[in-house]
Amino acid sequence: MDINKLRIMWTCGLLFSIFIFSGCAGPKLYSVNMYYDADQAVIPAHLKAGGKASGAVISVAEFNDTRQMDDQLVIGRVVKSDGTNILVFPKNVRATKAIANGITTYLRKAGYKVANNVEQWNLKEENMPPGDSKIIIGGNIEELEIYCRKNISTNSYKSNIKLSVIFADMAKGKILYKTTVESSYSKEDVLFSENILGEQAEIILADAIEKLFGDKNIAQKLKEAIAP
């Protein structure tokens, strides 16, 4: 056989091997943004701040992660067709703070004054942080997973979040109200990307926040708590 043909065949074989092995290696993790943008949110009339309620300051605490897992930075996983699990992590902000930031953004859109500083609070009355705000809102992450099952023909996405939320009188150091909110979302898509994983995180976060404050009972409790 011609030596040039042998060289071409050897080169093609080498390139093919590199392609196969690099493709099999794949990413060791996925990193996605978990962010809530309230710009497009439609604030229900029963929640909008008005009168003296719009003057009271609200503090929001970073949420606590109570999920039973080794690494609480993990917010999900991607399962390949061969059963390999690849973990999903938040890119810029921890999920605990992303939730607090989302609540802050939403309440400001609704016309409330929210303190710039995100507090640290373990939800115990005796450990409530000091401050000049009328109330503080905190909570726990009980469930959170951004999941994707990769298949040859399609990719199955499924995400869920469950939060326990607490409203407390910051001045008196007393818990006023507790509630829970859940959200889930699923879809099938022929495409796979980190951006789609990030969209799952943003969808369930937005839905949970809007569902929480869309509850007329919650809105009433909030307004009663900040009333002078």
C-alpha atoms as a PDB file:
ATOM      1  CA  MET A   1       0.000   0.000   0.000  1.00  0.00           C
ATOM      2  CA  ASP A   2       1.196   3.528  -0.769  1.00  0.00           C
ATOM      3  CA  ILE A   3       2.955   5.094   2.220  1.00  0.00           C
ATOM      4  CA  ASN A   4       0.956   8.328   1.864  1.00  0.00           C
ATOM      5  CA  LYS A   5      -2.295   6.389   2.084  1.00  0.00           C
ATOM      6  CA  LEU A   6      -1.019   4.648   5.214  1.00  0.00           C
ATOM      7  CA  ARG A   7      -0.188   8.008   6.776  1.00  0.00           C
ATOM      8  CA  ILE A   8      -3.631   9.368   5.920  1.00  0.00           C
ATOM      9  CA  MET A   9      -5.337   6.286   7.359  1.00  0.00           C
ATOM     10  CA  TRP A  10      -3.220   6.459  10.529  1.00  0.00           C
ATOM     11  CA  THR A  11      -3.942  10.177  10.967  1.00  0.00           C
ATOM     12  CA  CYS A  12      -7.695   9.674  10.461  1.00  0.00           C
ATOM     13  CA  GLY A  13      -7.683   6.816  12.951  1.00  0.00           C
ATOM     14  CA  LEU A  14      -5.855   8.921  15.522  1.00  0.00           C
ATOM     15  CA  LEU A  15      -8.233  11.839  15.105  1.00  0.00           C
ATOM     16  CA  PHE A  16     -11.234   9.533  15.381  1.00  0.00           C
ATOM     17  CA  SER A  17      -9.852   8.016  18.602  1.00  0.00           C
ATOM     18  CA  ILE A  18      -9.284  11.455  20.099  1.00  0.00           C
ATOM     19  CA  PHE A  19     -12.822  12.476  19.185  1.00  0.00           C
ATOM     20  CA  ILE A  20     -14.313   9.320  20.718  1.00  0.00           C
ATOM     21  CA  PHE A  21     -12.391   9.513  23.967  1.00  0.00           C
ATOM     22  CA  SER A  22     -12.894  13.242  24.421  1.00  0.00           C
ATOM     23  CA  GLY A  23     -16.613  12.780  23.761  1.00  0.00           C
ATOM     24  CA  CYS A  24     -16.829   9.967  26.287  1.00  0.00           C
ATOM     25  CA  ALA A  25     -15.042  11.989  28.926  1.00  0.00           C
ATOM     26  CA  GLY A  26     -17.574  14.815  28.725  1.00  0.00           C
ATOM     27  CA  PRO A  27     -17.942  17.509  31.369  1.00  0.00           C
ATOM     28  CA  LYS A  28     -17.283  16.670  35.013  1.00  0.00           C
ATOM     29  CA  LEU A  29     -20.039  19.010  36.179  1.00  0.00           C
ATOM     30  CA  TYR A  30     -22.618  21.492  34.916  1.00  0.00           C
ATOM     31  CA  SER A  31     -22.872  25.043  36.200  1.00  0.00           C
ATOM     32  CA  VAL A  32     -26.072  27.072  35.792  1.00  0.00           C
ATOM     33  CA  ASN A  33     -27.464  30.426  36.802  1.00  0.00           C
ATOM     34  CA  MET A  34     -30.328  30.398  39.291  1.00  0.00           C
ATOM     35  CA  TYR A  35     -31.847  33.844  39.025  1.00  0.00           C
ATOM     36  CA  TYR A  36     -35.263  35.448  39.280  1.00  0.00           C
ATOM     37  CA  ASP A  37     -36.018  38.547  37.241  1.00  0.00           C
ATOM     38  CA  ALA A  38     -39.193  40.259  38.432  1.00  0.00           C
ATOM     39  CA  ASP A  39     -39.305  42.726  35.534  1.00  0.00           C
ATOM     40  CA  GLN A  40     -41.932  40.656  33.726  1.00  0.00           C
ATOM     41  CA  ALA A  41     -43.840  39.690  36.886  1.00  0.00           C
ATOM     42  CA  VAL A  42     -47.482  40.723  37.146  1.00  0.00           C
ATOM     43  CA  ILE A  43     -48.043  41.817  40.729  1.00  0.00           C
ATOM     44  CA  PRO A  44     -51.540  40.940  41.984  1.00  0.00           C
ATOM     45  CA  ALA A  45     -53.581  43.891  43.217  1.00  0.00           C
ATOM     46  CA  HIS A  46     -54.042  42.386  46.684  1.00  0.00           C
ATOM     47  CA  LEU A  47     -50.267  42.377  47.252  1.00  0.00           C
ATOM     48  CA  LYS A  48     -49.310  45.844  46.041  1.00  0.00           C
ATOM     49  CA  ALA A  49     -48.066  48.139  48.772  1.00  0.00           C
ATOM     50  CA  GLY A  50     -50.070  51.240  49.505  1.00  0.00           C
ATOM     51  CA  GLY A  51     -50.312  53.966  52.108  1.00  0.00           C
ATOM     52  CA  LYS A  52     -48.267  53.415  55.263  1.00  0.00           C
ATOM     53  CA  ALA A  53     -47.461  49.833  54.245  1.00  0.00           C
ATOM     54  CA  SER A  54     -45.189  51.096  51.492  1.00  0.00           C
ATOM     55  CA  GLY A  55     -43.042  52.957  54.039  1.00  0.00           C
ATOM     56  CA  ALA A  56     -42.191  50.029  56.322  1.00  0.00           C
ATOM     57  CA  VAL A  57     -38.875  48.293  55.740  1.00  0.00           C
ATOM     58  CA  ILE A  58     -38.714  44.527  55.223  1.00  0.00           C
ATOM     59  CA  SER A  59     -35.578  42.421  55.696  1.00  0.00           C
ATOM     60  CA  VAL A  60     -34.994  39.151  53.890  1.00  0.00           C
ATOM     61  CA  ALA A  61     -32.685  36.432  55.230  1.00  0.00           C
ATOM     62  CA  GLU A  62     -30.635  33.992  53.205  1.00  0.00           C
ATOM     63  CA  PHE A  63     -32.484  30.686  53.207  1.00  0.00           C
ATOM     64  CA  ASN A  64     -31.120  27.678  55.079  1.00  0.00           C
ATOM     65  CA  ASP A  65     -30.538  24.432  53.209  1.00  0.00           C
ATOM     66  CA  THR A  66     -32.052  21.518  55.132  1.00  0.00           C
ATOM     67  CA  ARG A  67     -31.710  18.919  52.364  1.00  0.00           C
ATOM     68  CA  GLN A  68     -30.068  15.723  53.550  1.00  0.00           C
ATOM     69  CA  MET A  69     -27.099  15.462  51.207  1.00  0.00           C
ATOM     70  CA  ASP A  70     -23.307  15.428  51.378  1.00  0.00           C
ATOM     71  CA  ASP A  71     -22.760  18.579  49.332  1.00  0.00           C
ATOM     72  CA  GLN A  72     -25.495  21.184  49.623  1.00  0.00           C
ATOM     73  CA  LEU A  73     -23.985  23.229  46.794  1.00  0.00           C
ATOM     74  CA  VAL A  74     -25.377  20.621  44.428  1.00  0.00           C
ATOM     75  CA  ILE A  75     -28.733  21.639  42.930  1.00  0.00           C
ATOM     76  CA  GLY A  76     -29.280  18.800  40.501  1.00  0.00           C
ATOM     77  CA  ARG A  77     -27.906  16.086  38.265  1.00  0.00           C
ATOM     78  CA  VAL A  78     -27.797  14.952  34.681  1.00  0.00           C
ATOM     79  CA  VAL A  79     -28.061  11.217  34.042  1.00  0.00           C
ATOM     80  CA  LYS A  80     -26.512  10.018  30.791  1.00  0.00           C
ATOM     81  CA  SER A  81     -27.856   7.062  28.822  1.00  0.00           C
ATOM     82  CA  ASP A  82     -25.123   4.845  30.291  1.00  0.00           C
ATOM     83  CA  GLY A  83     -26.246   5.696  33.830  1.00  0.00           C
ATOM     84  CA  THR A  84     -23.415   8.130  34.565  1.00  0.00           C
ATOM     85  CA  ASN A  85     -24.423  10.975  36.905  1.00  0.00           C
ATOM     86  CA  ILE A  86     -23.062  14.487  36.369  1.00  0.00           C
ATOM     87  CA  LEU A  87     -23.787  16.988  39.139  1.00  0.00           C
ATOM     88  CA  VAL A  88     -25.274  20.441  38.603  1.00  0.00           C
ATOM     89  CA  PHE A  89     -24.026  23.428  40.637  1.00  0.00           C
ATOM     90  CA  PRO A  90     -25.084  27.100  40.793  1.00  0.00           C
ATOM     91  CA  LYS A  91     -22.783  29.302  38.711  1.00  0.00           C
ATOM     92  CA  ASN A  92     -22.606  32.638  40.523  1.00  0.00           C
ATOM     93  CA  VAL A  93     -24.863  32.612  43.590  1.00  0.00           C
ATOM     94  CA  ARG A  94     -25.735  29.828  46.015  1.00  0.00           C
ATOM     95  CA  ALA A  95     -29.343  28.655  45.836  1.00  0.00           C
ATOM     96  CA  THR A  96     -29.903  29.833  49.424  1.00  0.00           C
ATOM     97  CA  LYS A  97     -29.082  33.401  48.460  1.00  0.00           C
ATOM     98  CA  ALA A  98     -30.720  33.239  45.031  1.00  0.00           C
ATOM     99  CA  ILE A  99     -34.064  32.620  46.759  1.00  0.00           C
ATOM    100  CA  ALA A 100     -33.569  35.567  49.117  1.00  0.00           C
ATOM    101  CA  ASN A 101     -32.565  37.788  46.189  1.00  0.00           C
ATOM    102  CA  GLY A 102     -35.648  36.683  44.269  1.00  0.00           C
ATOM    103  CA  ILE A 103     -37.994  37.528  47.147  1.00  0.00           C
ATOM    104  CA  THR A 104     -36.302  40.910  47.540  1.00  0.00           C
ATOM    105  CA  THR A 105     -36.696  41.697  43.844  1.00  0.00           C
ATOM    106  CA  TYR A 106     -40.344  40.654  43.804  1.00  0.00           C
ATOM    107  CA  LEU A 107     -41.335  42.666  46.887  1.00  0.00           C
ATOM    108  CA  ARG A 108     -39.623  45.756  45.519  1.00  0.00           C
ATOM    109  CA  LYS A 109     -41.573  45.334  42.293  1.00  0.00           C
ATOM    110  CA  ALA A 110     -44.712  45.221  44.461  1.00  0.00           C
ATOM    111  CA  GLY A 111     -43.807  48.610  45.977  1.00  0.00           C
ATOM    112  CA  TYR A 112     -42.274  47.591  49.319  1.00  0.00           C
ATOM    113  CA  LYS A 113     -39.056  48.876  50.837  1.00  0.00           C
ATOM    114  CA  VAL A 114     -36.637  45.995  51.289  1.00  0.00           C
ATOM    115  CA  ALA A 115     -33.312  46.333  53.092  1.00  0.00           C
ATOM    116  CA  ASN A 116     -30.237  45.970  50.887  1.00  0.00           C
ATOM    117  CA  ASN A 117     -28.437  43.677  53.299  1.00  0.00           C
ATOM    118  CA  VAL A 118     -29.350  39.979  53.176  1.00  0.00           C
ATOM    119  CA  GLU A 119     -29.501  38.736  56.773  1.00  0.00           C
ATOM    120  CA  GLN A 120     -28.284  35.445  58.233  1.00  0.00           C
ATOM    121  CA  TRP A 121     -30.910  33.690  60.385  1.00  0.00           C
ATOM    122  CA  ASN A 122     -31.440  30.097  61.488  1.00  0.00           C
ATOM    123  CA  LEU A 123     -35.177  30.773  62.067  1.00  0.00           C
ATOM    124  CA  LYS A 124     -34.945  30.590  65.851  1.00  0.00           C
ATOM    125  CA  GLU A 125     -36.552  33.501  67.680  1.00  0.00           C
ATOM    126  CA  GLU A 126     -33.629  33.840  70.102  1.00  0.00           C
ATOM    127  CA  ASN A 127     -31.211  34.185  67.173  1.00  0.00           C
ATOM    128  CA  MET A 128     -33.155  36.736  65.174  1.00  0.00           C
ATOM    129  CA  PRO A 129     -30.729  39.351  63.805  1.00  0.00           C
ATOM    130  CA  PRO A 130     -31.037  42.912  65.144  1.00  0.00           C
ATOM    131  CA  GLY A 131     -32.154  45.636  62.780  1.00  0.00           C
ATOM    132  CA  ASP A 132     -34.503  48.515  62.079  1.00  0.00           C
ATOM    133  CA  SER A 133     -36.802  46.615  59.727  1.00  0.00           C
ATOM    134  CA  LYS A 134     -40.415  45.984  60.662  1.00  0.00           C
ATOM    135  CA  ILE A 135     -40.386  42.319  59.710  1.00  0.00           C
ATOM    136  CA  ILE A 136     -37.980  39.700  58.437  1.00  0.00           C
ATOM    137  CA  ILE A 137     -38.701  36.919  55.959  1.00  0.00           C
ATOM    138  CA  GLY A 138     -36.601  33.750  56.030  1.00  0.00           C
ATOM    139  CA  GLY A 139     -36.975  30.052  55.434  1.00  0.00           C
ATOM    140  CA  ASN A 140     -35.567  26.658  54.555  1.00  0.00           C
ATOM    141  CA  ILE A 141     -34.940  24.806  51.323  1.00  0.00           C
ATOM    142  CA  GLU A 142     -36.593  21.454  51.925  1.00  0.00           C
ATOM    143  CA  GLU A 143     -36.358  20.150  48.360  1.00  0.00           C
ATOM    144  CA  LEU A 144     -34.509  21.328  45.263  1.00  0.00           C
ATOM    145  CA  GLU A 145     -33.438  19.357  42.211  1.00  0.00           C
ATOM    146  CA  ILE A 146     -32.769  20.254  38.591  1.00  0.00           C
ATOM    147  CA  TYR A 147     -32.834  16.896  36.797  1.00  0.00           C
ATOM    148  CA  CYS A 148     -32.252  15.749  33.244  1.00  0.00           C
ATOM    149  CA  ARG A 149     -32.267  12.249  31.803  1.00  0.00           C
ATOM    150  CA  LYS A 150     -30.288  12.252  28.546  1.00  0.00           C
ATOM    151  CA  ASN A 151     -31.407   9.816  25.865  1.00  0.00           C
ATOM    152  CA  ILE A 152     -30.466   9.318  22.245  1.00  0.00           C
ATOM    153  CA  SER A 153     -33.682  10.708  20.785  1.00  0.00           C
ATOM    154  CA  THR A 154     -34.812  13.158  23.483  1.00  0.00           C
ATOM    155  CA  ASN A 155     -33.899  14.606  26.862  1.00  0.00           C
ATOM    156  CA  SER A 156     -36.294  14.507  29.809  1.00  0.00           C
ATOM    157  CA  TYR A 157     -36.107  17.495  32.146  1.00  0.00           C
ATOM    158  CA  LYS A 158     -37.784  17.573  35.549  1.00  0.00           C
ATOM    159  CA  SER A 159     -37.246  20.101  38.326  1.00  0.00           C
ATOM    160  CA  ASN A 160     -38.818  20.760  41.700  1.00  0.00           C
ATOM    161  CA  ILE A 161     -38.470  23.006  44.718  1.00  0.00           C
ATOM    162  CA  LYS A 162     -40.101  23.074  48.148  1.00  0.00           C
ATOM    163  CA  LEU A 163     -39.611  25.962  50.560  1.00  0.00           C
ATOM    164  CA  SER A 164     -40.746  26.593  54.097  1.00  0.00           C
ATOM    165  CA  VAL A 165     -41.138  30.326  54.655  1.00  0.00           C
ATOM    166  CA  ILE A 166     -41.331  32.265  57.918  1.00  0.00           C
ATOM    167  CA  PHE A 167     -42.520  35.809  58.552  1.00  0.00           C
ATOM    168  CA  ALA A 168     -41.361  37.344  61.843  1.00  0.00           C
ATOM    169  CA  ASP A 169     -41.597  40.608  63.772  1.00  0.00           C
ATOM    170  CA  MET A 170     -37.977  41.781  63.758  1.00  0.00           C
ATOM    171  CA  ALA A 171     -38.460  44.404  66.447  1.00  0.00           C
ATOM    172  CA  LYS A 172     -40.174  42.049  68.915  1.00  0.00           C
ATOM    173  CA  GLY A 173     -38.189  38.969  67.955  1.00  0.00           C
ATOM    174  CA  LYS A 174     -41.345  36.907  67.428  1.00  0.00           C
ATOM    175  CA  ILE A 175     -42.328  34.538  64.639  1.00  0.00           C
ATOM    176  CA  LEU A 176     -45.672  35.556  63.172  1.00  0.00           C
ATOM    177  CA  TYR A 177     -46.498  33.071  60.443  1.00  0.00           C
ATOM    178  CA  LYS A 178     -45.175  29.912  58.775  1.00  0.00           C
ATOM    179  CA  THR A 179     -46.084  28.433  55.411  1.00  0.00           C
ATOM    180  CA  THR A 180     -44.732  26.194  52.657  1.00  0.00           C
ATOM    181  CA  VAL A 181     -44.681  26.578  48.897  1.00  0.00           C
ATOM    182  CA  GLU A 182     -43.835  24.074  46.171  1.00  0.00           C
ATOM    183  CA  SER A 183     -43.238  24.208  42.453  1.00  0.00           C
ATOM    184  CA  SER A 184     -42.340  21.654  39.791  1.00  0.00           C
ATOM    185  CA  TYR A 185     -41.750  21.721  36.050  1.00  0.00           C
ATOM    186  CA  SER A 186     -41.001  19.130  33.384  1.00  0.00           C
ATOM    187  CA  LYS A 187     -40.420  19.054  29.636  1.00  0.00           C
ATOM    188  CA  GLU A 188     -39.060  16.924  26.816  1.00  0.00           C
ATOM    189  CA  ASP A 189     -36.550  18.443  24.428  1.00  0.00           C
ATOM    190  CA  VAL A 190     -34.337  17.067  21.668  1.00  0.00           C
ATOM    191  CA  LEU A 191     -31.707  19.611  22.678  1.00  0.00           C
ATOM    192  CA  PHE A 192     -29.498  19.595  25.745  1.00  0.00           C
ATOM    193  CA  SER A 193     -27.503  22.481  27.186  1.00  0.00           C
ATOM    194  CA  GLU A 194     -26.558  24.161  30.442  1.00  0.00           C
ATOM    195  CA  ASN A 195     -28.820  27.035  29.411  1.00  0.00           C
ATOM    196  CA  ILE A 196     -31.844  24.730  29.377  1.00  0.00           C
ATOM    197  CA  LEU A 197     -30.869  23.427  32.823  1.00  0.00           C
ATOM    198  CA  GLY A 198     -30.637  27.031  34.016  1.00  0.00           C
ATOM    199  CA  GLU A 199     -34.066  27.793  32.592  1.00  0.00           C
ATOM    200  CA  GLN A 200     -35.500  24.949  34.699  1.00  0.00           C
ATOM    201  CA  ALA A 201     -34.015  26.493  37.835  1.00  0.00           C
ATOM    202  CA  GLU A 202     -35.345  29.943  36.976  1.00  0.00           C
ATOM    203  CA  ILE A 203     -38.837  28.659  36.144  1.00  0.00           C
ATOM    204  CA  ILE A 204     -39.382  26.831  39.432  1.00  0.00           C
ATOM    205  CA  LEU A 205     -37.863  29.677  41.475  1.00  0.00           C
ATOM    206  CA  ALA A 206     -40.093  32.259  39.792  1.00  0.00           C
ATOM    207  CA  ASP A 207     -43.177  30.094  40.150  1.00  0.00           C
ATOM    208  CA  ALA A 208     -42.518  29.426  43.852  1.00  0.00           C
ATOM    209  CA  ILE A 209     -42.040  33.123  44.667  1.00  0.00           C
ATOM    210  CA  GLU A 210     -45.056  34.267  42.668  1.00  0.00           C
ATOM    211  CA  LYS A 211     -47.183  31.469  44.098  1.00  0.00           C
ATOM    212  CA  LEU A 212     -46.134  32.396  47.643  1.00  0.00           C
ATOM    213  CA  PHE A 213     -47.132  36.042  47.411  1.00  0.00           C
ATOM    214  CA  GLY A 214     -50.019  35.377  45.067  1.00  0.00           C
ATOM    215  CA  ASP A 215     -51.790  33.781  48.034  1.00  0.00           C
ATOM    216  CA  LYS A 216     -54.224  36.384  49.379  1.00  0.00           C
ATOM    217  CA  ASN A 217     -53.810  35.055  52.914  1.00  0.00           C
ATOM    218  CA  ILE A 218     -50.033  35.581  52.744  1.00  0.00           C
ATOM    219  CA  ALA A 219     -50.507  39.089  51.366  1.00  0.00           C
ATOM    220  CA  GLN A 220     -52.895  39.920  54.205  1.00  0.00           C
ATOM    221  CA  LYS A 221     -50.500  38.540  56.825  1.00  0.00           C
ATOM    222  CA  LEU A 222     -47.679  40.587  55.309  1.00  0.00           C
ATOM    223  CA  LYS A 223     -49.646  43.828  55.350  1.00  0.00           C
ATOM    224  CA  GLU A 224     -50.901  43.231  58.889  1.00  0.00           C
ATOM    225  CA  ALA A 225     -47.335  42.607  60.042  1.00  0.00           C
ATOM    226  CA  ILE A 226     -45.951  45.854  58.648  1.00  0.00           C
ATOM    227  CA  ALA A 227     -48.950  47.993  59.630  1.00  0.00           C
ATOM    228  CA  PRO A 228     -48.020  50.695  62.177  1.00  0.00           C
END
